[in-house]
Amino acid sequence: MTMDSPTKARNATAPIPRLAGWSGLELVARLADGSIRRPPMAETLPFTLLPPEEGKVGLLATPEPRFCNLTKRFTAAGS
């Protein structure tokens, strides 16, 4: 599947029968390169899916302040 622009790639979908014919490695590779749309959860969590290799999938995550919970400070005693 080739795309003319990054916007088209982000919005590309693949029909279920085509997905069924791909190996897990092929599917993850297409998600990583943007050939097919990532699941909605991927827009919520700040991570990038790295190009997969046989037996290996990597994520690059960047912590963001919005995920930091500083409302209460806990100690080892729980107080």
N, C-alpha and C. Protein backbone atom coordinates (compact mmCIF):
# COMPACT_ATOMS: atom_id res chain seq x y z
N MET A 1 0.85 -1.16 0.00
CA MET A 1 0.00 0.00 0.00
C MET A 1 0.90 1.22 0.00
N THR A 2 0.77 2.07 -1.01
CA THR A 2 1.57 3.29 -1.05
C THR A 2 0.66 4.48 -0.84
N MET A 3 1.22 5.53 -0.26
CA MET A 3 0.45 6.72 0.05
C MET A 3 1.13 7.93 -0.56
N ASP A 4 0.32 8.90 -1.01
CA ASP A 4 0.86 10.12 -1.61
C ASP A 4 1.33 11.13 -0.58
N SER A 5 0.77 11.08 0.62
CA SER A 5 1.11 12.09 1.63
C SER A 5 1.02 11.47 3.01
N PRO A 6 1.69 12.11 4.00
CA PRO A 6 1.60 11.61 5.38
C PRO A 6 0.17 11.60 5.90
N THR A 7 -0.65 12.59 5.49
CA THR A 7 -2.04 12.64 5.95
C THR A 7 -2.80 11.43 5.44
N LYS A 8 -2.63 11.10 4.17
CA LYS A 8 -3.30 9.91 3.64
C LYS A 8 -2.83 8.66 4.36
N ALA A 9 -1.55 8.58 4.65
CA ALA A 9 -1.03 7.40 5.35
C ALA A 9 -1.65 7.27 6.72
N ARG A 10 -1.77 8.36 7.45
CA ARG A 10 -2.36 8.30 8.80
C ARG A 10 -3.80 7.86 8.75
N ASN A 11 -4.50 8.17 7.67
CA ASN A 11 -5.92 7.86 7.58
C ASN A 11 -6.21 6.58 6.80
N ALA A 12 -5.18 5.90 6.33
CA ALA A 12 -5.37 4.69 5.53
C ALA A 12 -5.89 3.55 6.40
N THR A 13 -6.79 2.82 5.84
CA THR A 13 -7.29 1.63 6.51
C THR A 13 -7.05 0.44 5.59
N ALA A 14 -7.10 -0.73 6.15
CA ALA A 14 -6.94 -1.94 5.36
C ALA A 14 -8.14 -2.84 5.63
N PRO A 15 -8.74 -3.42 4.59
CA PRO A 15 -9.88 -4.32 4.80
C PRO A 15 -9.46 -5.57 5.57
N ILE A 16 -10.39 -6.09 6.35
CA ILE A 16 -10.13 -7.26 7.19
C ILE A 16 -9.56 -8.43 6.38
N PRO A 17 -10.11 -8.77 5.21
CA PRO A 17 -9.52 -9.91 4.47
C PRO A 17 -8.04 -9.69 4.14
N ARG A 18 -7.65 -8.47 3.85
CA ARG A 18 -6.24 -8.20 3.56
C ARG A 18 -5.41 -8.37 4.83
N LEU A 19 -5.92 -7.86 5.96
CA LEU A 19 -5.21 -8.01 7.22
C LEU A 19 -5.00 -9.48 7.55
N ALA A 20 -6.00 -10.29 7.28
CA ALA A 20 -5.93 -11.72 7.61
C ALA A 20 -4.83 -12.41 6.82
N GLY A 21 -4.44 -11.87 5.69
CA GLY A 21 -3.39 -12.48 4.88
C GLY A 21 -1.99 -12.06 5.28
N TRP A 22 -1.86 -11.09 6.18
CA TRP A 22 -0.54 -10.61 6.59
C TRP A 22 -0.05 -11.37 7.81
N SER A 23 1.24 -11.53 7.90
CA SER A 23 1.82 -12.08 9.13
C SER A 23 1.80 -10.97 10.19
N GLY A 24 2.04 -11.33 11.43
CA GLY A 24 2.13 -10.33 12.49
C GLY A 24 3.23 -9.32 12.22
N LEU A 25 4.35 -9.81 11.70
CA LEU A 25 5.47 -8.93 11.38
C LEU A 25 5.08 -7.93 10.30
N GLU A 26 4.38 -8.38 9.27
CA GLU A 26 3.93 -7.48 8.20
C GLU A 26 2.97 -6.43 8.74
N LEU A 27 2.04 -6.83 9.58
CA LEU A 27 1.07 -5.89 10.14
C LEU A 27 1.77 -4.82 10.99
N VAL A 28 2.66 -5.26 11.87
CA VAL A 28 3.36 -4.30 12.74
C VAL A 28 4.26 -3.38 11.90
N ALA A 29 4.89 -3.92 10.87
CA ALA A 29 5.73 -3.09 9.99
C ALA A 29 4.90 -2.01 9.31
N ARG A 30 3.70 -2.35 8.88
CA ARG A 30 2.83 -1.36 8.23
C ARG A 30 2.32 -0.31 9.23
N LEU A 31 2.05 -0.73 10.45
CA LEU A 31 1.68 0.23 11.49
C LEU A 31 2.84 1.18 11.77
N ALA A 32 4.06 0.63 11.85
CA ALA A 32 5.24 1.44 12.15
C ALA A 32 5.56 2.42 11.04
N ASP A 33 5.40 2.02 9.79
CA ASP A 33 5.77 2.93 8.69
C ASP A 33 4.62 3.85 8.27
N GLY A 34 3.46 3.69 8.92
CA GLY A 34 2.34 4.57 8.64
C GLY A 34 1.49 4.17 7.45
N SER A 35 1.74 2.99 6.89
CA SER A 35 0.94 2.53 5.75
C SER A 35 -0.52 2.33 6.10
N ILE A 36 -0.77 1.92 7.34
CA ILE A 36 -2.15 1.81 7.81
C ILE A 36 -2.30 2.59 9.11
N ARG A 37 -3.51 2.99 9.37
CA ARG A 37 -3.82 3.81 10.55
C ARG A 37 -3.56 3.05 11.84
N ARG A 38 -2.94 3.74 12.79
CA ARG A 38 -2.71 3.15 14.11
C ARG A 38 -4.02 3.17 14.89
N PRO A 39 -4.15 2.29 15.89
CA PRO A 39 -5.37 2.30 16.71
C PRO A 39 -5.52 3.63 17.45
N PRO A 40 -6.74 4.02 17.80
CA PRO A 40 -6.97 5.29 18.48
C PRO A 40 -6.16 5.46 19.77
N MET A 41 -5.89 4.38 20.49
CA MET A 41 -5.12 4.47 21.73
C MET A 41 -3.72 5.04 21.46
N ALA A 42 -3.20 4.81 20.28
CA ALA A 42 -1.87 5.30 19.93
C ALA A 42 -1.82 6.83 19.89
N GLU A 43 -2.96 7.47 19.72
CA GLU A 43 -3.02 8.93 19.75
C GLU A 43 -3.00 9.45 21.18
N THR A 44 -3.41 8.62 22.12
CA THR A 44 -3.47 9.01 23.53
C THR A 44 -2.13 8.87 24.22
N LEU A 45 -1.44 7.79 23.95
CA LEU A 45 -0.16 7.52 24.61
C LEU A 45 0.99 8.01 23.74
N PRO A 46 1.95 8.72 24.34
CA PRO A 46 3.05 9.29 23.56
C PRO A 46 4.16 8.28 23.27
N PHE A 47 3.92 7.40 22.32
CA PHE A 47 4.98 6.46 21.95
C PHE A 47 5.02 6.31 20.44
N THR A 48 6.18 5.89 19.97
CA THR A 48 6.40 5.64 18.56
C THR A 48 6.72 4.16 18.40
N LEU A 49 6.05 3.53 17.48
CA LEU A 49 6.32 2.13 17.17
C LEU A 49 7.52 2.09 16.23
N LEU A 50 8.59 1.43 16.65
CA LEU A 50 9.80 1.34 15.84
C LEU A 50 9.66 0.22 14.82
N PRO A 51 10.42 0.28 13.73
CA PRO A 51 10.33 -0.79 12.74
C PRO A 51 10.64 -2.15 13.39
N PRO A 52 9.76 -3.12 13.19
CA PRO A 52 9.95 -4.43 13.84
C PRO A 52 10.99 -5.27 13.12
N GLU A 53 11.51 -6.23 13.86
CA GLU A 53 12.39 -7.25 13.31
C GLU A 53 11.80 -8.60 13.71
N GLU A 54 12.23 -9.65 13.08
CA GLU A 54 11.75 -10.98 13.43
C GLU A 54 11.97 -11.22 14.92
N GLY A 55 10.88 -11.44 15.67
CA GLY A 55 10.96 -11.71 17.10
C GLY A 55 11.18 -10.50 17.99
N LYS A 56 11.09 -9.29 17.43
CA LYS A 56 11.38 -8.10 18.22
C LYS A 56 10.52 -6.91 17.76
N VAL A 57 9.85 -6.28 18.74
CA VAL A 57 9.09 -5.06 18.48
C VAL A 57 9.52 -4.05 19.53
N GLY A 58 9.79 -2.83 19.11
CA GLY A 58 10.24 -1.81 20.05
C GLY A 58 9.34 -0.59 20.02
N LEU A 59 9.22 0.03 21.18
CA LEU A 59 8.47 1.27 21.32
C LEU A 59 9.40 2.34 21.86
N LEU A 60 9.28 3.54 21.36
CA LEU A 60 10.02 4.67 21.88
C LEU A 60 9.00 5.58 22.56
N ALA A 61 9.12 5.70 23.88
CA ALA A 61 8.15 6.48 24.65
C ALA A 61 8.81 7.73 25.23
N THR A 62 8.02 8.79 25.31
CA THR A 62 8.48 10.05 25.89
C THR A 62 7.56 10.42 27.03
N PRO A 63 8.08 10.49 28.26
CA PRO A 63 7.21 10.88 29.38
C PRO A 63 6.73 12.31 29.20
N GLU A 64 5.52 12.54 29.58
CA GLU A 64 4.94 13.89 29.50
C GLU A 64 4.38 14.27 30.87
N PRO A 65 4.43 15.57 31.19
CA PRO A 65 3.93 16.02 32.49
C PRO A 65 2.48 15.62 32.76
N ARG A 66 1.67 15.49 31.73
CA ARG A 66 0.25 15.16 31.95
C ARG A 66 0.07 13.78 32.59
N PHE A 67 1.09 12.93 32.54
CA PHE A 67 0.99 11.62 33.15
C PHE A 67 1.58 11.56 34.56
N CYS A 68 2.07 12.67 35.03
CA CYS A 68 2.69 12.73 36.35
C CYS A 68 1.62 13.02 37.40
N ASN A 69 1.58 12.23 38.46
CA ASN A 69 0.61 12.43 39.53
C ASN A 69 1.35 12.97 40.75
N LEU A 70 1.24 14.25 40.96
CA LEU A 70 1.93 14.90 42.07
C LEU A 70 0.96 15.35 43.15
N THR A 71 -0.25 14.79 43.17
CA THR A 71 -1.26 15.24 44.13
C THR A 71 -1.00 14.75 45.54
N LYS A 72 -0.29 13.66 45.70
CA LYS A 72 0.00 13.13 47.03
C LYS A 72 1.37 12.49 47.01
N ARG A 73 2.11 12.73 48.07
CA ARG A 73 3.45 12.14 48.18
C ARG A 73 3.36 10.92 49.09
N PHE A 74 3.82 9.79 48.59
CA PHE A 74 3.78 8.56 49.35
C PHE A 74 5.17 8.24 49.89
N THR A 75 5.21 7.66 51.07
CA THR A 75 6.47 7.18 51.65
C THR A 75 6.40 5.66 51.76
N ALA A 76 7.47 5.08 52.19
CA ALA A 76 7.51 3.62 52.35
C ALA A 76 6.45 3.14 53.34
N ALA A 77 6.11 3.98 54.33
CA ALA A 77 5.10 3.62 55.33
C ALA A 77 3.69 3.85 54.81
N GLY A 78 3.56 4.48 53.66
CA GLY A 78 2.24 4.73 53.08
C GLY A 78 1.56 5.98 53.60
N SER A 79 2.27 6.81 54.35
CA SER A 79 1.62 8.02 54.88
C SER A 79 1.84 9.21 53.99
